[in-house]
């Protein structure tokens, strides 16, 4: 099941790029083509989040709890699970909701964003928080993986 880790990471990175794309389109100003691109990017972001969510959930329930978690807890970095996995689990629950909220904002306000400062800032805020949480998840995943590697070495 460790084969699920790489696609999980790829989907997370695609989500980051999609949300950045939404921000860029909103900054550029909503032309008809820009609104369409922002809508496409928001749909791709939701799809990437849900793909990442399914892959990560499958890995977590099938492999992590049985093999990786006990190794980390028995290794020299037990805090890698106690801090990073626990935090990542909670972030994991919020990301699909944030991505759907962003999708709804882009579709609701699309062409109106140029004249609606509040709508733009809502999009910036939700997309920015999503990007931040995804980046933090990637960093935490790296720390969890290091905790597992250290456990295998010792």
Protein backbone atom coordinates (compact mmCIF):
# COMPACT_ATOMS: atom_id res chain seq x y z
CA UNK A 1 0.00 0.00 0.00
CA UNK A 2 2.99 2.33 0.21
CA UNK A 3 2.51 2.72 -3.53
CA UNK A 4 -0.35 5.06 -2.64
CA UNK A 5 1.97 7.65 -1.11
CA UNK A 6 3.38 9.04 -4.38
CA UNK A 7 -0.02 9.54 -6.08
CA UNK A 8 -1.33 11.03 -2.83
CA UNK A 9 1.48 13.60 -2.90
CA UNK A 10 0.94 14.31 -6.61
CA UNK A 11 -2.77 14.98 -6.07
CA UNK A 12 -1.94 17.32 -3.17
CA UNK A 13 0.53 19.23 -5.32
CA UNK A 14 -2.01 19.44 -8.16
CA UNK A 15 -4.48 20.92 -5.69
CA UNK A 16 -1.93 23.55 -4.65
CA UNK A 17 -1.28 24.46 -8.28
CA UNK A 18 -5.01 24.61 -9.02
CA UNK A 19 -5.68 26.95 -6.10
CA UNK A 20 -2.73 29.13 -7.11
CA UNK A 21 -4.20 29.23 -10.61
CA UNK A 22 -7.52 30.46 -9.19
CA UNK A 23 -5.70 33.26 -7.34
CA UNK A 24 -3.78 34.26 -10.47
CA UNK A 25 -6.98 34.44 -12.53
CA UNK A 26 -8.69 36.59 -9.91
CA UNK A 27 -5.68 38.91 -9.66
CA UNK A 28 -5.57 39.29 -13.45
CA UNK A 29 -9.15 40.47 -13.46
CA UNK A 30 -12.12 38.48 -14.59
CA UNK A 31 -12.49 38.53 -18.34
CA UNK A 32 -14.86 35.93 -19.74
CA UNK A 33 -11.89 33.66 -20.51
CA UNK A 34 -10.34 34.32 -17.09
CA UNK A 35 -13.58 33.42 -15.30
CA UNK A 36 -13.76 30.20 -17.30
CA UNK A 37 -10.13 29.38 -16.42
CA UNK A 38 -10.79 30.11 -12.72
CA UNK A 39 -13.81 27.80 -12.83
CA UNK A 40 -11.77 25.05 -14.50
CA UNK A 41 -8.99 25.51 -11.93
CA UNK A 42 -11.45 25.34 -9.04
CA UNK A 43 -13.00 22.13 -10.40
CA UNK A 44 -9.52 20.62 -10.87
CA UNK A 45 -8.66 21.63 -7.31
CA UNK A 46 -11.75 19.89 -5.91
CA UNK A 47 -11.02 16.76 -7.96
CA UNK A 48 -7.39 16.76 -6.81
CA UNK A 49 -8.40 17.19 -3.16
CA UNK A 50 -10.91 14.36 -3.32
CA UNK A 51 -8.39 12.14 -5.16
CA UNK A 52 -5.79 12.93 -2.53
CA UNK A 53 -8.35 12.37 0.20
CA UNK A 54 -9.32 8.89 -1.04
CA UNK A 55 -5.70 7.81 -1.58
CA UNK A 56 -4.54 9.11 1.80
CA UNK A 57 -7.52 7.61 3.59
CA UNK A 58 -6.96 4.24 1.97
CA UNK A 59 -3.26 4.28 2.87
CA UNK A 60 -3.99 5.41 6.42
CA UNK A 61 -6.63 2.75 7.11
CA UNK A 62 -4.92 -0.14 5.29
CA UNK A 63 -1.19 0.34 5.91
CA UNK A 64 -0.30 3.22 8.22
CA UNK A 65 -2.15 2.06 11.33
CA UNK A 66 -0.92 -1.53 11.08
CA UNK A 67 2.68 -1.06 9.95
CA UNK A 68 3.96 2.51 9.98
CA UNK A 69 2.45 3.90 13.18
CA UNK A 70 3.77 1.11 15.45
CA UNK A 71 7.23 1.44 13.89
CA UNK A 72 7.28 5.22 14.41
CA UNK A 73 6.02 4.93 18.00
CA UNK A 74 8.71 2.31 18.74
CA UNK A 75 11.46 4.28 17.02
CA UNK A 76 13.58 7.26 18.06
CA UNK A 77 11.04 9.81 16.73
CA UNK A 78 7.69 8.85 18.33
CA UNK A 79 6.75 12.53 18.31
CA UNK A 80 6.62 12.32 14.48
CA UNK A 81 3.32 10.52 14.92
CA UNK A 82 2.20 12.29 18.08
CA UNK A 83 2.59 15.77 16.63
CA UNK A 84 2.58 15.59 12.86
CA UNK A 85 0.22 12.72 12.13
CA UNK A 86 -2.31 13.94 14.65
CA UNK A 87 -2.22 17.46 13.19
CA UNK A 88 -2.35 16.16 9.63
CA UNK A 89 -5.42 14.04 10.41
CA UNK A 90 -7.35 17.15 11.41
CA UNK A 91 -6.20 19.19 8.44
CA UNK A 92 -7.18 16.26 6.22
CA UNK A 93 -10.79 16.60 7.38
CA UNK A 94 -11.05 20.29 6.45
CA UNK A 95 -9.53 20.30 2.96
CA UNK A 96 -12.48 18.86 0.99
CA UNK A 97 -14.83 21.40 2.57
CA UNK A 98 -12.48 24.30 1.84
CA UNK A 99 -12.10 23.18 -1.77
CA UNK A 100 -15.88 23.03 -2.24
CA UNK A 101 -16.27 26.48 -0.64
CA UNK A 102 -13.68 27.85 -3.07
CA UNK A 103 -15.46 26.20 -5.99
CA UNK A 104 -18.77 27.74 -4.87
CA UNK A 105 -17.21 31.20 -4.50
CA UNK A 106 -15.64 31.10 -7.96
CA UNK A 107 -18.84 29.86 -9.58
CA UNK A 108 -21.06 32.28 -7.63
CA UNK A 109 -19.01 35.43 -8.07
CA UNK A 110 -17.01 34.61 -11.25
CA UNK A 111 -17.61 37.60 -13.49
CA UNK A 112 -18.53 39.90 -10.61
CA UNK A 113 -15.16 39.75 -8.89
CA UNK A 114 -13.64 42.73 -10.66
CA UNK A 115 -16.09 45.10 -9.02
CA UNK A 116 -16.54 43.14 -5.79
CA UNK A 117 -13.56 43.51 -3.47
CA UNK A 118 -15.17 41.34 -0.79
CA UNK A 119 -15.66 38.45 -3.22
CA UNK A 120 -12.03 38.69 -4.35
CA UNK A 121 -10.78 38.65 -0.79
CA UNK A 122 -12.98 35.67 0.08
CA UNK A 123 -11.44 33.78 -2.85
CA UNK A 124 -7.93 34.87 -1.84
CA UNK A 125 -8.59 33.85 1.75
CA UNK A 126 -10.07 30.41 1.09
CA UNK A 127 -7.53 29.59 -1.64
CA UNK A 128 -4.66 30.91 0.48
CA UNK A 129 -5.69 28.93 3.56
CA UNK A 130 -6.09 25.81 1.41
CA UNK A 131 -2.63 26.28 -0.07
CA UNK A 132 -1.13 26.87 3.36
CA UNK A 133 -2.77 23.76 4.82
CA UNK A 134 -1.68 21.65 1.86
CA UNK A 135 1.90 22.91 2.15
CA UNK A 136 1.91 22.22 5.90
CA UNK A 137 0.55 18.75 5.19
CA UNK A 138 3.41 18.11 2.78
CA UNK A 139 5.96 19.23 5.36
CA UNK A 140 4.30 17.09 8.02
CA UNK A 141 4.24 14.11 5.66
CA UNK A 142 7.96 14.56 5.17
CA UNK A 143 8.51 14.55 8.94
CA UNK A 144 6.31 11.46 9.37
CA UNK A 145 8.26 9.67 6.62
CA UNK A 146 11.52 10.60 8.33
CA UNK A 147 10.17 9.23 11.59
CA UNK A 148 9.42 5.95 9.84
CA UNK A 149 12.85 5.85 8.15
CA UNK A 150 14.56 6.48 11.48
CA UNK A 151 12.55 3.67 13.05
CA UNK A 152 13.61 1.27 10.29
CA UNK A 153 17.28 2.20 10.70
CA UNK A 154 17.31 1.75 14.49
